[in-house]
Structures are given as structure tokens and as C-alpha cells.
C-alpha atoms as a PDB file:
ATOM      1  CA  UNK A   1     154.300 274.795 152.176  1.00  0.00           C
ATOM      2  CA  UNK A   2     157.038 275.821 149.988  1.00  0.00           C
ATOM      3  CA  UNK A   3     158.042 274.005 147.289  1.00  0.00           C
ATOM      4  CA  UNK A   4     161.983 274.671 146.849  1.00  0.00           C
ATOM      5  CA  UNK A   5     162.830 276.353 142.985  1.00  0.00           C
ATOM      6  CA  UNK A   6     164.956 272.874 142.477  1.00  0.00           C
ATOM      7  CA  UNK A   7     162.043 270.815 142.635  1.00  0.00           C
ATOM      8  CA  UNK A   8     159.817 273.314 140.325  1.00  0.00           C
ATOM      9  CA  UNK A   9     162.699 273.669 137.455  1.00  0.00           C
ATOM     10  CA  UNK A  10     162.486 269.262 137.841  1.00  0.00           C
ATOM     11  CA  UNK A  11     159.134 268.855 137.422  1.00  0.00           C
ATOM     12  CA  UNK A  12     159.111 272.042 134.564  1.00  0.00           C
ATOM     13  CA  UNK A  13     162.052 270.620 132.162  1.00  0.00           C
ATOM     14  CA  UNK A  14     159.571 269.628 129.440  1.00  0.00           C
ATOM     15  CA  UNK A  15     158.068 273.570 129.463  1.00  0.00           C
ATOM     16  CA  UNK A  16     159.019 276.062 127.032  1.00  0.00           C
ATOM     17  CA  UNK A  17     157.934 279.494 127.820  1.00  0.00           C
ATOM     18  CA  UNK A  18     156.904 282.532 125.647  1.00  0.00           C
ATOM     19  CA  UNK A  19     156.438 285.794 127.372  1.00  0.00           C
ATOM     20  CA  UNK A  20     156.938 289.943 126.231  1.00  0.00           C
ATOM     21  CA  UNK A  21     154.657 292.690 125.019  1.00  0.00           C
ATOM     22  CA  UNK A  22     151.640 292.748 122.919  1.00  0.00           C
ATOM     23  CA  UNK A  23     151.768 292.575 119.697  1.00  0.00           C
ATOM     24  CA  UNK A  24     155.491 291.050 119.443  1.00  0.00           C
ATOM     25  CA  UNK A  25     154.049 287.471 117.972  1.00  0.00           C
ATOM     26  CA  UNK A  26     154.204 285.542 120.791  1.00  0.00           C
ATOM     27  CA  UNK A  27     150.653 283.768 120.367  1.00  0.00           C
ATOM     28  CA  UNK A  28     151.406 282.905 116.544  1.00  0.00           C
ATOM     29  CA  UNK A  29     154.564 281.302 117.546  1.00  0.00           C
ATOM     30  CA  UNK A  30     153.410 279.182 119.779  1.00  0.00           C
ATOM     31  CA  UNK A  31     150.810 277.935 118.122  1.00  0.00           C
ATOM     32  CA  UNK A  32     153.081 276.903 115.117  1.00  0.00           C
ATOM     33  CA  UNK A  33     156.002 275.698 117.416  1.00  0.00           C
ATOM     34  CA  UNK A  34     153.238 273.702 119.207  1.00  0.00           C
ATOM     35  CA  UNK A  35     151.899 271.914 115.729  1.00  0.00           C
ATOM     36  CA  UNK A  36     155.410 271.852 114.329  1.00  0.00           C
ATOM     37  CA  UNK A  37     157.094 269.863 117.029  1.00  0.00           C
ATOM     38  CA  UNK A  38     154.036 267.799 117.931  1.00  0.00           C
ATOM     39  CA  UNK A  39     153.500 270.136 121.697  1.00  0.00           C
ATOM     40  CA  UNK A  40     151.070 271.108 124.067  1.00  0.00           C
ATOM     41  CA  UNK A  41     149.906 274.511 123.562  1.00  0.00           C
ATOM     42  CA  UNK A  42     148.856 276.310 126.783  1.00  0.00           C
ATOM     43  CA  UNK A  43     147.908 280.191 125.176  1.00  0.00           C
ATOM     44  CA  UNK A  44     147.096 283.093 126.397  1.00  0.00           C
ATOM     45  CA  UNK A  45     145.013 282.794 130.008  1.00  0.00           C
ATOM     46  CA  UNK A  46     144.894 278.858 129.804  1.00  0.00           C
ATOM     47  CA  UNK A  47     144.802 278.632 133.663  1.00  0.00           C
ATOM     48  CA  UNK A  48     141.563 280.915 133.820  1.00  0.00           C
ATOM     49  CA  UNK A  49     139.498 277.535 133.333  1.00  0.00           C
ATOM     50  CA  UNK A  50     140.885 276.593 137.014  1.00  0.00           C
ATOM     51  CA  UNK A  51     141.406 280.125 138.410  1.00  0.00           C
ATOM     52  CA  UNK A  52     138.152 281.161 137.892  1.00  0.00           C
ATOM     53  CA  UNK A  53     136.364 278.779 139.833  1.00  0.00           C
ATOM     54  CA  UNK A  54     138.878 278.290 142.703  1.00  0.00           C
ATOM     55  CA  UNK A  55     140.575 281.939 143.359  1.00  0.00           C
ATOM     56  CA  UNK A  56     139.564 283.610 146.782  1.00  0.00           C
ATOM     57  CA  UNK A  57     139.636 287.482 147.266  1.00  0.00           C
ATOM     58  CA  UNK A  58     142.462 286.699 150.307  1.00  0.00           C
ATOM     59  CA  UNK A  59     145.260 285.326 148.005  1.00  0.00           C
ATOM     60  CA  UNK A  60     143.873 286.384 144.910  1.00  0.00           C
ATOM     61  CA  UNK A  61     142.090 290.098 145.046  1.00  0.00           C
ATOM     62  CA  UNK A  62     142.661 290.711 141.227  1.00  0.00           C
ATOM     63  CA  UNK A  63     141.862 287.830 139.585  1.00  0.00           C
ATOM     64  CA  UNK A  64     138.763 287.599 141.512  1.00  0.00           C
ATOM     65  CA  UNK A  65     138.208 291.353 140.853  1.00  0.00           C
ATOM     66  CA  UNK A  66     137.452 290.208 137.051  1.00  0.00           C
ATOM     67  CA  UNK A  67     135.379 287.486 138.389  1.00  0.00           C
ATOM     68  CA  UNK A  68     133.203 289.310 140.318  1.00  0.00           C
ATOM     69  CA  UNK A  69     132.757 291.997 137.813  1.00  0.00           C
ATOM     70  CA  UNK A  70     128.675 293.079 137.654  1.00  0.00           C
ATOM     71  CA  UNK A  71     129.650 296.324 134.721  1.00  0.00           C
ATOM     72  CA  UNK A  72     132.495 295.941 132.126  1.00  0.00           C
ATOM     73  CA  UNK A  73     131.954 299.656 131.848  1.00  0.00           C
ATOM     74  CA  UNK A  74     133.850 300.067 134.880  1.00  0.00           C
ATOM     75  CA  UNK A  75     136.310 298.025 133.564  1.00  0.00           C
ATOM     76  CA  UNK A  76     137.559 300.008 130.330  1.00  0.00           C
ATOM     77  CA  UNK A  77     136.996 303.622 132.554  1.00  0.00           C
ATOM     78  CA  UNK A  78     139.732 302.881 135.197  1.00  0.00           C
ATOM     79  CA  UNK A  79     142.414 304.874 135.571  1.00  0.00           C
ATOM     80  CA  UNK A  80     145.433 304.253 133.416  1.00  0.00           C
ATOM     81  CA  UNK A  81     147.545 303.350 136.642  1.00  0.00           C
ATOM     82  CA  UNK A  82     145.012 301.069 138.037  1.00  0.00           C
ATOM     83  CA  UNK A  83     144.449 299.187 134.579  1.00  0.00           C
ATOM     84  CA  UNK A  84     148.669 299.047 134.628  1.00  0.00           C
ATOM     85  CA  UNK A  85     148.522 297.920 138.646  1.00  0.00           C
ATOM     86  CA  UNK A  86     145.834 295.261 138.224  1.00  0.00           C
ATOM     87  CA  UNK A  87     147.553 293.986 134.926  1.00  0.00           C
ATOM     88  CA  UNK A  88     150.745 292.906 136.663  1.00  0.00           C
ATOM     89  CA  UNK A  89     149.041 291.639 139.646  1.00  0.00           C
ATOM     90  CA  UNK A  90     146.796 289.811 138.279  1.00  0.00           C
ATOM     91  CA  UNK A  91     149.909 288.091 136.469  1.00  0.00           C
ATOM     92  CA  UNK A  92     151.609 287.272 139.600  1.00  0.00           C
ATOM     93  CA  UNK A  93     148.783 285.746 141.353  1.00  0.00           C
ATOM     94  CA  UNK A  94     147.830 283.755 138.358  1.00  0.00           C
ATOM     95  CA  UNK A  95     151.369 282.445 138.620  1.00  0.00           C
ATOM     96  CA  UNK A  96     150.888 279.700 141.056  1.00  0.00           C
ATOM     97  CA  UNK A  97     148.100 278.451 138.914  1.00  0.00           C
ATOM     98  CA  UNK A  98     149.738 278.223 135.826  1.00  0.00           C
ATOM     99  CA  UNK A  99     153.112 276.129 137.347  1.00  0.00           C
ATOM    100  CA  UNK A 100     150.417 273.905 138.813  1.00  0.00           C
ATOM    101  CA  UNK A 101     148.945 273.388 135.780  1.00  0.00           C
ATOM    102  CA  UNK A 102     152.335 273.320 133.413  1.00  0.00           C
ATOM    103  CA  UNK A 103     153.790 270.186 135.827  1.00  0.00           C
ATOM    104  CA  UNK A 104     150.455 268.335 135.549  1.00  0.00           C
ATOM    105  CA  UNK A 105     150.599 268.750 131.450  1.00  0.00           C
ATOM    106  CA  UNK A 106     154.167 267.922 130.793  1.00  0.00           C
ATOM    107  CA  UNK A 107     154.972 265.246 132.293  1.00  0.00           C
ATOM    108  CA  UNK A 108     155.156 262.678 129.326  1.00  0.00           C
ATOM    109  CA  UNK A 109     155.274 265.610 126.658  1.00  0.00           C
ATOM    110  CA  UNK A 110     156.837 269.146 126.089  1.00  0.00           C
ATOM    111  CA  UNK A 111     154.628 271.989 126.622  1.00  0.00           C
ATOM    112  CA  UNK A 112     154.923 275.606 125.031  1.00  0.00           C
ATOM    113  CA  UNK A 113     153.214 278.498 126.829  1.00  0.00           C
ATOM    114  CA  UNK A 114     151.938 281.839 125.720  1.00  0.00           C
ATOM    115  CA  UNK A 115     152.570 283.084 129.398  1.00  0.00           C
ATOM    116  CA  UNK A 116     152.977 286.150 131.807  1.00  0.00           C
ATOM    117  CA  UNK A 117     154.478 284.992 134.668  1.00  0.00           C
ATOM    118  CA  UNK A 118     156.472 287.128 135.607  1.00  0.00           C
ATOM    119  CA  UNK A 119     160.207 287.706 134.938  1.00  0.00           C
ATOM    120  CA  UNK A 120     161.806 286.958 138.265  1.00  0.00           C
ATOM    121  CA  UNK A 121     159.706 284.042 139.015  1.00  0.00           C
ATOM    122  CA  UNK A 122     160.871 282.884 135.363  1.00  0.00           C
ATOM    123  CA  UNK A 123     164.163 283.084 136.346  1.00  0.00           C
ATOM    124  CA  UNK A 124     163.344 280.887 139.839  1.00  0.00           C
ATOM    125  CA  UNK A 125     161.353 277.830 137.971  1.00  0.00           C
ATOM    126  CA  UNK A 126     163.169 277.951 135.120  1.00  0.00           C
ATOM    127  CA  UNK A 127     166.322 278.632 132.805  1.00  0.00           C
ATOM    128  CA  UNK A 128     168.004 280.199 129.490  1.00  0.00           C
ATOM    129  CA  UNK A 129     167.170 277.707 127.344  1.00  0.00           C
ATOM    130  CA  UNK A 130     163.358 277.556 127.813  1.00  0.00           C
ATOM    131  CA  UNK A 131     162.481 280.959 127.919  1.00  0.00           C
ATOM    132  CA  UNK A 132     162.211 283.406 125.181  1.00  0.00           C
ATOM    133  CA  UNK A 133     161.047 287.128 125.458  1.00  0.00           C
ATOM    134  CA  UNK A 134     159.449 288.719 122.484  1.00  0.00           C
ATOM    135  CA  UNK A 135     158.969 292.110 121.802  1.00  0.00           C
ATOM    136  CA  UNK A 136     157.072 294.969 119.873  1.00  0.00           C
ATOM    137  CA  UNK A 137     157.748 298.768 119.935  1.00  0.00           C
ATOM    138  CA  UNK A 138     155.064 300.439 122.216  1.00  0.00           C
ATOM    139  CA  UNK A 139     153.612 302.275 119.230  1.00  0.00           C
ATOM    140  CA  UNK A 140     152.904 299.195 117.968  1.00  0.00           C
ATOM    141  CA  UNK A 141     151.335 297.238 120.491  1.00  0.00           C
ATOM    142  CA  UNK A 142     149.458 300.031 121.547  1.00  0.00           C
ATOM    143  CA  UNK A 143     148.245 301.217 118.279  1.00  0.00           C
ATOM    144  CA  UNK A 144     147.499 297.901 116.947  1.00  0.00           C
ATOM    145  CA  UNK A 145     146.088 296.440 120.240  1.00  0.00           C
ATOM    146  CA  UNK A 146     142.403 295.902 118.687  1.00  0.00           C
ATOM    147  CA  UNK A 147     143.859 295.333 114.978  1.00  0.00           C
ATOM    148  CA  UNK A 148     142.861 291.498 115.449  1.00  0.00           C
ATOM    149  CA  UNK A 149     140.356 288.968 115.367  1.00  0.00           C
ATOM    150  CA  UNK A 150     140.524 287.921 119.301  1.00  0.00           C
ATOM    151  CA  UNK A 151     137.227 287.319 121.120  1.00  0.00           C
ATOM    152  CA  UNK A 152     138.221 289.231 124.231  1.00  0.00           C
ATOM    153  CA  UNK A 153     140.197 292.607 122.361  1.00  0.00           C
ATOM    154  CA  UNK A 154     136.514 292.031 120.362  1.00  0.00           C
ATOM    155  CA  UNK A 155     134.574 291.986 123.584  1.00  0.00           C
ATOM    156  CA  UNK A 156     136.216 294.904 124.940  1.00  0.00           C
ATOM    157  CA  UNK A 157     135.964 297.010 121.712  1.00  0.00           C
ATOM    158  CA  UNK A 158     132.394 296.790 121.931  1.00  0.00           C
ATOM    159  CA  UNK A 159     132.119 297.823 125.650  1.00  0.00           C
ATOM    160  CA  UNK A 160     134.250 300.511 124.824  1.00  0.00           C
ATOM    161  CA  UNK A 161     131.936 301.091 122.057  1.00  0.00           C
ATOM    162  CA  UNK A 162     128.833 300.825 124.785  1.00  0.00           C
ATOM    163  CA  UNK A 163     129.614 303.743 126.992  1.00  0.00           C
ATOM    164  CA  UNK A 164     128.515 307.388 126.631  1.00  0.00           C
ATOM    165  CA  UNK A 165     131.572 308.806 125.707  1.00  0.00           C
ATOM    166  CA  UNK A 166     133.513 306.386 123.370  1.00  0.00           C
ATOM    167  CA  UNK A 167     136.536 308.580 122.306  1.00  0.00           C
ATOM    168  CA  UNK A 168     137.397 309.592 125.676  1.00  0.00           C
ATOM    169  CA  UNK A 169     137.121 306.442 126.881  1.00  0.00           C
ATOM    170  CA  UNK A 170     139.153 304.293 123.845  1.00  0.00           C
ATOM    171  CA  UNK A 171     141.675 307.162 124.685  1.00  0.00           C
ATOM    172  CA  UNK A 172     141.692 306.698 128.932  1.00  0.00           C
ATOM    173  CA  UNK A 173     142.225 302.909 127.953  1.00  0.00           C
ATOM    174  CA  UNK A 174     145.243 303.150 125.390  1.00  0.00           C
ATOM    175  CA  UNK A 175     146.666 305.462 127.940  1.00  0.00           C
ATOM    176  CA  UNK A 176     146.808 302.270 130.291  1.00  0.00           C
ATOM    177  CA  UNK A 177     148.128 300.068 127.142  1.00  0.00           C
ATOM    178  CA  UNK A 178     150.855 302.410 127.356  1.00  0.00           C
ATOM    179  CA  UNK A 179     151.664 302.527 130.634  1.00  0.00           C
ATOM    180  CA  UNK A 180     151.160 298.167 130.088  1.00  0.00           C
ATOM    181  CA  UNK A 181     154.164 298.239 127.368  1.00  0.00           C
ATOM    182  CA  UNK A 182     155.951 301.299 128.824  1.00  0.00           C
ATOM    183  CA  UNK A 183     159.578 301.883 127.906  1.00  0.00           C
ATOM    184  CA  UNK A 184     160.532 300.795 131.689  1.00  0.00           C
ATOM    185  CA  UNK A 185     158.075 297.927 131.223  1.00  0.00           C
ATOM    186  CA  UNK A 186     160.033 296.790 127.985  1.00  0.00           C
ATOM    187  CA  UNK A 187     163.626 297.533 129.254  1.00  0.00           C
ATOM    188  CA  UNK A 188     162.897 294.958 131.942  1.00  0.00           C
ATOM    189  CA  UNK A 189     162.126 292.495 129.436  1.00  0.00           C
ATOM    190  CA  UNK A 190     164.888 293.086 127.049  1.00  0.00           C
ATOM    191  CA  UNK A 191     167.425 293.285 130.090  1.00  0.00           C
ATOM    192  CA  UNK A 192     165.912 290.305 131.613  1.00  0.00           C
ATOM    193  CA  UNK A 193     168.855 288.397 130.619  1.00  0.00           C
ATOM    194  CA  UNK A 194     167.084 285.730 128.814  1.00  0.00           C
ATOM    195  CA  UNK A 195     166.834 284.705 125.088  1.00  0.00           C
ATOM    196  CA  UNK A 196     165.275 288.357 122.864  1.00  0.00           C
ATOM    197  CA  UNK A 197     163.426 288.540 119.681  1.00  0.00           C
ATOM    198  CA  UNK A 198     162.760 292.297 118.584  1.00  0.00           C
ATOM    199  CA  UNK A 199     159.706 292.503 116.349  1.00  0.00           C
ATOM    200  CA  UNK A 200     160.023 296.053 114.238  1.00  0.00           C
ATOM    201  CA  UNK A 201     158.329 295.449 111.348  1.00  0.00           C
ATOM    202  CA  UNK A 202     154.644 294.718 111.386  1.00  0.00           C
ATOM    203  CA  UNK A 203     154.309 295.344 107.314  1.00  0.00           C
ATOM    204  CA  UNK A 204     156.883 291.867 106.400  1.00  0.00           C
ATOM    205  CA  UNK A 205     155.818 288.511 107.741  1.00  0.00           C
ATOM    206  CA  UNK A 206     158.301 287.201 109.570  1.00  0.00           C
ATOM    207  CA  UNK A 207     156.673 284.411 111.162  1.00  0.00           C
ATOM    208  CA  UNK A 208     158.791 281.635 109.368  1.00  0.00           C
ATOM    209  CA  UNK A 209     162.488 283.299 110.139  1.00  0.00           C
ATOM    210  CA  UNK A 210     160.893 283.954 114.098  1.00  0.00           C
ATOM    211  CA  UNK A 211     159.827 280.046 114.292  1.00  0.00           C
ATOM    212  CA  UNK A 212     163.126 278.719 113.276  1.00  0.00           C
ATOM    213  CA  UNK A 213     165.088 281.399 115.336  1.00  0.00           C
ATOM    214  CA  UNK A 214     163.175 280.016 118.703  1.00  0.00           C
ATOM    215  CA  UNK A 215     163.451 276.196 117.605  1.00  0.00           C
ATOM    216  CA  UNK A 216     166.988 276.549 117.397  1.00  0.00           C
ATOM    217  CA  UNK A 217     167.028 278.543 121.027  1.00  0.00           C
ATOM    218  CA  UNK A 218     164.734 275.900 122.731  1.00  0.00           C
ATOM    219  CA  UNK A 219     166.600 272.857 121.138  1.00  0.00           C
ATOM    220  CA  UNK A 220     163.371 271.471 119.462  1.00  0.00           C
ATOM    221  CA  UNK A 221     163.442 268.682 117.123  1.00  0.00           C
ATOM    222  CA  UNK A 222     160.849 267.607 114.511  1.00  0.00           C
ATOM    223  CA  UNK A 223     158.729 264.601 115.550  1.00  0.00           C
END
């Protein structure tokens, strides 16, 4: 069964997407806008409650990889190239779960989502006024990846530190992060045709300015 894009765009008309690179402020912006404009918040990996249960290897092999993982040391010690491939493939496999969940949630209320849905799919199912891209320099994405008190990142850091050679594993893992946030991928976002905000200074608190700009782009009004 194929659902045509014009149908999906109609049913996703109340959904606002924020995508982009790591450490660009996506999660903070989505949370702030949700609170300010009475929107439903879908944070990172919100779809996993369903996808973790019903994903099957024939259709979602990379989602199933993480669900069937028995030794997390294997996860953090993969080659950088495999980590990059897996990350973007998982995002594509998860897109169907995201779309289905968002259609369900957005029937009568606006939804804002921190998403990894690939850009080509976003172009098909949404529009310029409903998508924002947030970017940060590669150095920020890689070097400050573990700075935040995020449970998932804390867990990965503990796994890395439990390996026989934590320093070597960390260097390998950061090379994977560098590929995921490479100049090539950065340019894909920057040249996507969507509204874009660039975070080039992490010393200054720009959260209020960013949220104001995003709200204006999305055409949001306070309740």
C-alpha cells in the first residue's frame, strides 16, 4: 500500500518539524516552543515505544540491530563508517513510525517534533513553513557530544569507559560522530531549501532569540 504525498501533507498539516545536526539546540527549542504555544512535544526517539515492539528484520534491520543488541561494547566499537551508515539508515527506517504517530497525535492539536526524518522525505510530506533546520559546527557536534546530562549519552559514556581501552574506543567513536556530522552532511542540511538557523557560538545564551525566530517562521501564536 502506498499513501500519496498530498494525503500525508494534509494529515500532517498540524505538525512542525525541527531537524539538523547534533548540539544545534533542536531539543531545547522544541521543548520551549511546545510549552509556549501549547503544542504536543515529540522529543528525540519518541517513536521507539512502538518501533521497539513491532520492527522486524525484513523491513527494519537497523532498528532491530539495536533492539537485539546483547553487548553494548560492540555498539561503541563499530567502525566509524558503519556507525555513520547505521545512523542514517535507522532514521530512514524510523520515518514510517514517525509519520504514523504524528498523524495520530496531530488531529486536534499542533505538534512540534525533534526529528531525524530524512530531508527528501520531509520535502514530500511537509512544506517550507512547517520545517526548520538547525545547524552547529562539526567541532561542536563532536567535541561537546557528551557534555549534556542526557541519559542515553551518559549510558554510552559509561559503556565506553567500561571497555578495555576506553581512550581508543572514545577516539574511534568520535570519528564516527565526525562522519555523521561531516561537512557533506552539513551541506545537505544547509542546502536543503528549508528555513535554517546556524548555532555558531555556544558561549552566549541565544535560546530566546532562536525560539522567537522559529515561532515567527512557523507562524505560531500564543494561546
